[in-house]
PDB file of N, CA and C in Angstrom:
ATOM      1  N   UNK A   1     100.096 -87.433  -8.307  1.00  0.00           N
ATOM      2  CA  UNK A   1      99.437 -89.063  -8.225  1.00  0.00           C
ATOM      3  C   UNK A   1      97.810 -88.230  -8.477  1.00  0.00           C
ATOM      4  N   UNK A   2      97.106 -89.187  -9.228  1.00  0.00           N
ATOM      5  CA  UNK A   2      95.995 -88.716  -9.593  1.00  0.00           C
ATOM      6  C   UNK A   2      94.678 -89.113  -8.442  1.00  0.00           C
ATOM      7  N   UNK A   3      93.862 -88.581  -8.387  1.00  0.00           N
ATOM      8  CA  UNK A   3      92.966 -88.588  -7.351  1.00  0.00           C
ATOM      9  C   UNK A   3      92.287 -89.974  -7.094  1.00  0.00           C
ATOM     10  N   UNK A   4      92.224 -90.761  -8.351  1.00  0.00           N
ATOM     11  CA  UNK A   4      91.842 -92.165  -8.361  1.00  0.00           C
ATOM     12  C   UNK A   4      92.782 -92.745  -8.013  1.00  0.00           C
ATOM     13  N   UNK A   5      94.152 -92.647  -8.190  1.00  0.00           N
ATOM     14  CA  UNK A   5      95.271 -93.249  -7.499  1.00  0.00           C
ATOM     15  C   UNK A   5      95.152 -93.328  -6.102  1.00  0.00           C
ATOM     16  N   UNK A   6      95.098 -92.133  -5.490  1.00  0.00           N
ATOM     17  CA  UNK A   6      94.960 -91.688  -4.145  1.00  0.00           C
ATOM     18  C   UNK A   6      93.726 -92.734  -3.515  1.00  0.00           C
ATOM     19  N   UNK A   7      92.815 -92.561  -4.025  1.00  0.00           N
ATOM     20  CA  UNK A   7      91.437 -93.318  -3.668  1.00  0.00           C
ATOM     21  C   UNK A   7      91.894 -94.678  -3.023  1.00  0.00           C
ATOM     22  N   UNK A   8      92.464 -95.529  -4.496  1.00  0.00           N
ATOM     23  CA  UNK A   8      92.868 -96.757  -4.466  1.00  0.00           C
ATOM     24  C   UNK A   8      93.811 -97.069  -3.524  1.00  0.00           C
ATOM     25  N   UNK A   9      94.929 -96.195  -3.138  1.00  0.00           N
ATOM     26  CA  UNK A   9      95.511 -96.467  -2.254  1.00  0.00           C
ATOM     27  C   UNK A   9      95.337 -96.452  -0.992  1.00  0.00           C
ATOM     28  N   UNK A  10      94.219 -95.535  -0.692  1.00  0.00           N
ATOM     29  CA  UNK A  10      93.602 -95.373   0.696  1.00  0.00           C
ATOM     30  C   UNK A  10      92.678 -96.554   1.080  1.00  0.00           C
ATOM     31  N   UNK A  11      91.869 -97.059   0.047  1.00  0.00           N
ATOM     32  CA  UNK A  11      91.307 -98.248   0.332  1.00  0.00           C
ATOM     33  C   UNK A  11      92.179 -99.637   0.483  1.00  0.00           C
ATOM     34  N   UNK A  12      93.296 -99.515  -0.267  1.00  0.00           N
ATOM     35  CA  UNK A  12      94.123-100.835  -0.305  1.00  0.00           C
ATOM     36  C   UNK A  12      94.753-100.714   1.176  1.00  0.00           C
ATOM     37  N   UNK A  13      95.061 -99.369   1.418  1.00  0.00           N
ATOM     38  CA  UNK A  13      95.730 -99.552   2.877  1.00  0.00           C
ATOM     39  C   UNK A  13      94.962 -99.837   4.075  1.00  0.00           C
ATOM     40  N   UNK A  14      93.641 -99.593   4.037  1.00  0.00           N
ATOM     41  CA  UNK A  14      92.722 -99.872   4.957  1.00  0.00           C
ATOM     42  C   UNK A  14      92.655-101.179   4.944  1.00  0.00           C
ATOM     43  N   UNK A  15      92.125-101.680   3.607  1.00  0.00           N
ATOM     44  CA  UNK A  15      92.220-103.473   3.669  1.00  0.00           C
ATOM     45  C   UNK A  15      93.319-104.103   4.177  1.00  0.00           C
ATOM     46  N   UNK A  16      94.469-103.570   3.880  1.00  0.00           N
ATOM     47  CA  UNK A  16      95.893-104.139   4.684  1.00  0.00           C
ATOM     48  C   UNK A  16      95.889-104.107   6.163  1.00  0.00           C
ATOM     49  N   UNK A  17      95.319-102.984   6.776  1.00  0.00           N
ATOM     50  CA  UNK A  17      95.147-102.823   7.812  1.00  0.00           C
ATOM     51  C   UNK A  17      94.241-103.807   8.663  1.00  0.00           C
ATOM     52  N   UNK A  18      93.097-104.060   7.959  1.00  0.00           N
ATOM     53  CA  UNK A  18      92.274-104.777   8.947  1.00  0.00           C
ATOM     54  C   UNK A  18      92.901-106.300   8.470  1.00  0.00           C
ATOM     55  N   UNK A  19      93.624-106.714   7.695  1.00  0.00           N
ATOM     56  CA  UNK A  19      94.024-107.900   7.476  1.00  0.00           C
ATOM     57  C   UNK A  19      95.302-108.211   8.623  1.00  0.00           C
ATOM     58  N   UNK A  20      96.154-107.222   8.444  1.00  0.00           N
ATOM     59  CA  UNK A  20      97.165-107.407   9.877  1.00  0.00           C
ATOM     60  C   UNK A  20      96.396-107.187  11.279  1.00  0.00           C
ATOM     61  N   UNK A  21      95.549-106.491  11.412  1.00  0.00           N
ATOM     62  CA  UNK A  21      94.716-106.362  12.664  1.00  0.00           C
ATOM     63  C   UNK A  21      94.311-107.840  13.209  1.00  0.00           C
ATOM     64  N   UNK A  22      93.666-108.277  12.276  1.00  0.00           N
ATOM     65  CA  UNK A  22      93.067-109.519  12.447  1.00  0.00           C
ATOM     66  C   UNK A  22      94.341-110.552  13.095  1.00  0.00           C
ATOM     67  N   UNK A  23      95.371-110.715  12.640  1.00  0.00           N
ATOM     68  CA  UNK A  23      96.341-111.542  12.652  1.00  0.00           C
ATOM     69  C   UNK A  23      96.870-111.014  13.901  1.00  0.00           C
ATOM     70  N   UNK A  24      97.094-109.899  14.268  1.00  0.00           N
ATOM     71  CA  UNK A  24      97.462-109.357  15.794  1.00  0.00           C
ATOM     72  C   UNK A  24      96.705-109.664  16.905  1.00  0.00           C
ATOM     73  N   UNK A  25      95.258-109.634  16.516  1.00  0.00           N
ATOM     74  CA  UNK A  25      94.421-109.876  17.660  1.00  0.00           C
ATOM     75  C   UNK A  25      94.364-111.395  17.864  1.00  0.00           C
ATOM     76  N   UNK A  26      95.030-112.226  16.925  1.00  0.00           N
ATOM     77  CA  UNK A  26      95.121-113.699  17.600  1.00  0.00           C
ATOM     78  C   UNK A  26      95.921-113.723  18.844  1.00  0.00           C
ATOM     79  N   UNK A  27      96.998-112.794  18.826  1.00  0.00           N
ATOM     80  CA  UNK A  27      98.096-113.038  19.778  1.00  0.00           C
ATOM     81  C   UNK A  27      97.900-112.018  21.038  1.00  0.00           C
ATOM     82  N   UNK A  28      97.490-110.612  20.589  1.00  0.00           N
ATOM     83  CA  UNK A  28      97.248-109.676  21.494  1.00  0.00           C
ATOM     84  C   UNK A  28      95.653-109.304  21.804  1.00  0.00           C
ATOM     85  N   UNK A  29      95.293-110.208  22.932  1.00  0.00           N
ATOM     86  CA  UNK A  29      93.733-109.984  23.278  1.00  0.00           C
ATOM     87  C   UNK A  29      93.889-109.697  24.958  1.00  0.00           C
ATOM     88  N   UNK A  30      93.961-108.485  25.120  1.00  0.00           N
ATOM     89  CA  UNK A  30      93.823-108.102  26.494  1.00  0.00           C
ATOM     90  C   UNK A  30      93.114-106.542  26.486  1.00  0.00           C
ATOM     91  N   UNK A  31      92.807-105.720  27.717  1.00  0.00           N
ATOM     92  CA  UNK A  31      92.155-104.509  27.817  1.00  0.00           C
ATOM     93  C   UNK A  31      92.602-103.551  26.604  1.00  0.00           C
ATOM     94  N   UNK A  32      93.912-103.531  26.744  1.00  0.00           N
ATOM     95  CA  UNK A  32      94.768-102.590  25.956  1.00  0.00           C
ATOM     96  C   UNK A  32      94.635-102.790  24.528  1.00  0.00           C
ATOM     97  N   UNK A  33      94.264-104.075  23.829  1.00  0.00           N
ATOM     98  CA  UNK A  33      93.987-104.299  22.678  1.00  0.00           C
ATOM     99  C   UNK A  33      92.842-103.802  22.234  1.00  0.00           C
ATOM    100  N   UNK A  34      91.588-104.205  23.159  1.00  0.00           N
ATOM    101  CA  UNK A  34      90.382-103.937  22.939  1.00  0.00           C
ATOM    102  C   UNK A  34      90.319-102.044  22.696  1.00  0.00           C
ATOM    103  N   UNK A  35      91.188-101.625  23.765  1.00  0.00           N
ATOM    104  CA  UNK A  35      90.991-100.118  23.586  1.00  0.00           C
ATOM    105  C   UNK A  35      91.374 -99.643  22.351  1.00  0.00           C
ATOM    106  N   UNK A  36      92.415-100.278  22.125  1.00  0.00           N
ATOM    107  CA  UNK A  36      93.124 -99.632  20.772  1.00  0.00           C
ATOM    108  C   UNK A  36      92.390 -99.981  19.764  1.00  0.00           C
ATOM    109  N   UNK A  37      91.696-101.013  19.740  1.00  0.00           N
ATOM    110  CA  UNK A  37      90.626-101.450  18.370  1.00  0.00           C
ATOM    111  C   UNK A  37      89.726-100.504  18.652  1.00  0.00           C
ATOM    112  N   UNK A  38      88.839 -99.999  19.410  1.00  0.00           N
ATOM    113  CA  UNK A  38      87.875 -99.162  19.536  1.00  0.00           C
ATOM    114  C   UNK A  38      88.116 -97.703  19.526  1.00  0.00           C
ATOM    115  N   UNK A  39      89.440 -97.325  19.961  1.00  0.00           N
ATOM    116  CA  UNK A  39      89.607 -95.959  20.077  1.00  0.00           C
ATOM    117  C   UNK A  39      90.595 -95.388  18.637  1.00  0.00           C
ATOM    118  N   UNK A  40      90.904 -96.438  17.814  1.00  0.00           N
ATOM    119  CA  UNK A  40      91.703 -96.352  16.873  1.00  0.00           C
ATOM    120  C   UNK A  40      91.154 -97.066  15.573  1.00  0.00           C
ATOM    121  N   UNK A  41      91.192 -98.409  15.587  1.00  0.00           N
ATOM    122  CA  UNK A  41      90.978 -99.097  14.367  1.00  0.00           C
ATOM    123  C   UNK A  41      89.304 -98.799  13.747  1.00  0.00           C
ATOM    124  N   UNK A  42      88.401 -99.031  14.816  1.00  0.00           N
ATOM    125  CA  UNK A  42      87.216 -98.727  14.369  1.00  0.00           C
ATOM    126  C   UNK A  42      86.915 -97.350  13.794  1.00  0.00           C
ATOM    127  N   UNK A  43      87.345 -96.484  14.492  1.00  0.00           N
ATOM    128  CA  UNK A  43      87.033 -94.934  13.969  1.00  0.00           C
ATOM    129  C   UNK A  43      87.650 -94.821  12.252  1.00  0.00           C
ATOM    130  N   UNK A  44      88.373 -95.487  12.256  1.00  0.00           N
ATOM    131  CA  UNK A  44      88.994 -95.182  10.758  1.00  0.00           C
ATOM    132  C   UNK A  44      88.227 -95.525   9.452  1.00  0.00           C
ATOM    133  N   UNK A  45      87.422 -96.889   9.755  1.00  0.00           N
ATOM    134  CA  UNK A  45      86.533 -97.138   8.381  1.00  0.00           C
ATOM    135  C   UNK A  45      85.698 -95.947   7.902  1.00  0.00           C
ATOM    136  N   UNK A  46      84.897 -95.335   9.024  1.00  0.00           N
ATOM    137  CA  UNK A  46      84.131 -94.068   8.482  1.00  0.00           C
ATOM    138  C   UNK A  46      84.805 -93.154   8.180  1.00  0.00           C
ATOM    139  N   UNK A  47      85.883 -92.907   8.516  1.00  0.00           N
ATOM    140  CA  UNK A  47      86.944 -91.583   8.248  1.00  0.00           C
ATOM    141  C   UNK A  47      87.422 -91.894   6.807  1.00  0.00           C
ATOM    142  N   UNK A  48      87.853 -93.008   6.503  1.00  0.00           N
ATOM    143  CA  UNK A  48      88.429 -93.395   5.085  1.00  0.00           C
ATOM    144  C   UNK A  48      87.184 -93.125   4.163  1.00  0.00           C
ATOM    145  N   UNK A  49      86.164 -94.072   4.598  1.00  0.00           N
ATOM    146  CA  UNK A  49      84.942 -93.554   3.598  1.00  0.00           C
ATOM    147  C   UNK A  49      84.525 -92.172   3.343  1.00  0.00           C
ATOM    148  N   UNK A  50      84.797 -91.428   4.318  1.00  0.00           N
ATOM    149  CA  UNK A  50      84.260 -89.861   4.015  1.00  0.00           C
ATOM    150  C   UNK A  50      85.522 -89.341   3.244  1.00  0.00           C
ATOM    151  N   UNK A  51      86.820 -89.522   3.468  1.00  0.00           N
ATOM    152  CA  UNK A  51      87.774 -89.308   2.558  1.00  0.00           C
ATOM    153  C   UNK A  51      87.526 -89.506   1.226  1.00  0.00           C
ATOM    154  N   UNK A  52      87.480 -90.902   0.917  1.00  0.00           N
ATOM    155  CA  UNK A  52      87.329 -91.283  -0.428  1.00  0.00           C
ATOM    156  C   UNK A  52      85.993 -90.888  -1.143  1.00  0.00           C
ATOM    157  N   UNK A  53      84.759 -90.491  -0.291  1.00  0.00           N
ATOM    158  CA  UNK A  53      83.992 -89.779  -0.581  1.00  0.00           C
ATOM    159  C   UNK A  53      84.404 -88.189  -1.422  1.00  0.00           C
ATOM    160  N   UNK A  54      85.300 -87.484  -0.511  1.00  0.00           N
ATOM    161  CA  UNK A  54      85.859 -86.253  -0.853  1.00  0.00           C
ATOM    162  C   UNK A  54      86.288 -86.130  -2.235  1.00  0.00           C
ATOM    163  N   UNK A  55      87.434 -87.648  -1.983  1.00  0.00           N
ATOM    164  CA  UNK A  55      88.306 -87.723  -3.163  1.00  0.00           C
ATOM    165  C   UNK A  55      87.487 -88.128  -4.429  1.00  0.00           C
ATOM    166  N   UNK A  56      86.314 -88.639  -4.658  1.00  0.00           N
ATOM    167  CA  UNK A  56      85.636 -88.738  -5.433  1.00  0.00           C
ATOM    168  C   UNK A  56      85.031 -87.584  -6.149  1.00  0.00           C
ATOM    169  N   UNK A  57      84.503 -86.950  -5.280  1.00  0.00           N
ATOM    170  CA  UNK A  57      83.873 -85.184  -5.426  1.00  0.00           C
ATOM    171  C   UNK A  57      84.759 -84.608  -6.093  1.00  0.00           C
ATOM    172  N   UNK A  58      86.192 -84.388  -5.705  1.00  0.00           N
ATOM    173  CA  UNK A  58      87.163 -83.754  -6.238  1.00  0.00           C
ATOM    174  C   UNK A  58      87.435 -84.157  -7.456  1.00  0.00           C
ATOM    175  N   UNK A  59      87.660 -85.358  -7.683  1.00  0.00           N
ATOM    176  CA  UNK A  59      87.961 -86.122  -8.976  1.00  0.00           C
ATOM    177  C   UNK A  59      86.865 -85.526 -10.084  1.00  0.00           C
ATOM    178  N   UNK A  60      85.456 -85.365  -9.665  1.00  0.00           N
ATOM    179  CA  UNK A  60      84.793 -84.953 -10.598  1.00  0.00           C
ATOM    180  C   UNK A  60      84.782 -83.314 -10.971  1.00  0.00           C
ATOM    181  N   UNK A  61      85.177 -82.771  -9.851  1.00  0.00           N
ATOM    182  CA  UNK A  61      85.523 -81.112 -10.079  1.00  0.00           C
ATOM    183  C   UNK A  61      86.549 -81.057 -10.969  1.00  0.00           C
ATOM    184  N   UNK A  62      87.469 -81.915 -10.803  1.00  0.00           N
ATOM    185  CA  UNK A  62      88.946 -81.638 -11.264  1.00  0.00           C
ATOM    186  C   UNK A  62      88.543 -81.955 -13.113  1.00  0.00           C
ATOM    187  N   UNK A  63      87.770 -82.880 -13.141  1.00  0.00           N
ATOM    188  CA  UNK A  63      87.517 -83.314 -14.726  1.00  0.00           C
ATOM    189  C   UNK A  63      86.647 -82.035 -15.402  1.00  0.00           C
ATOM    190  N   UNK A  64      85.808 -81.326 -14.548  1.00  0.00           N
ATOM    191  CA  UNK A  64      85.297 -80.158 -15.085  1.00  0.00           C
ATOM    192  C   UNK A  64      86.207 -78.944 -15.319  1.00  0.00           C
ATOM    193  N   UNK A  65      87.070 -78.509 -14.136  1.00  0.00           N
ATOM    194  CA  UNK A  65      88.033 -78.070 -14.577  1.00  0.00           C
ATOM    195  C   UNK A  65      88.945 -77.888 -15.473  1.00  0.00           C
ATOM    196  N   UNK A  66      89.477 -79.369 -15.770  1.00  0.00           N
ATOM    197  CA  UNK A  66      90.350 -79.663 -17.020  1.00  0.00           C
ATOM    198  C   UNK A  66      89.641 -79.278 -18.167  1.00  0.00           C
ATOM    199  N   UNK A  67      88.355 -79.605 -18.275  1.00  0.00           N
ATOM    200  CA  UNK A  67      87.536 -79.509 -19.545  1.00  0.00           C
ATOM    201  C   UNK A  67      87.239 -77.882 -19.722  1.00  0.00           C
ATOM    202  N   UNK A  68      86.980 -77.288 -18.957  1.00  0.00           N
ATOM    203  CA  UNK A  68      86.663 -75.965 -18.942  1.00  0.00           C
ATOM    204  C   UNK A  68      87.875 -75.269 -19.344  1.00  0.00           C
ATOM    205  N   UNK A  69      89.083 -75.592 -18.900  1.00  0.00           N
ATOM    206  CA  UNK A  69      90.363 -75.004 -18.924  1.00  0.00           C
ATOM    207  C   UNK A  69      91.195 -75.201 -20.269  1.00  0.00           C
ATOM    208  N   UNK A  70      90.428 -76.074 -21.172  1.00  0.00           N
ATOM    209  CA  UNK A  70      91.060 -76.788 -22.444  1.00  0.00           C
ATOM    210  C   UNK A  70      90.871 -75.589 -23.630  1.00  0.00           C
TER     211      UNK A  70
END
């Protein structure tokens, strides 16, 4: 799987998670859901953005490596 595909899949999964979480929150609103959102859902976005940034850097490095190895 290419770095570009991995990046797109990661962003897609985060988007899908946000959509599903909004739907779930409509029927699950208690201290447990708020704790879950604070401890699991909210920390994911910066982590995903960090991972995507790393994937982009890796993609750039792989381009250089492939070009140098030709």
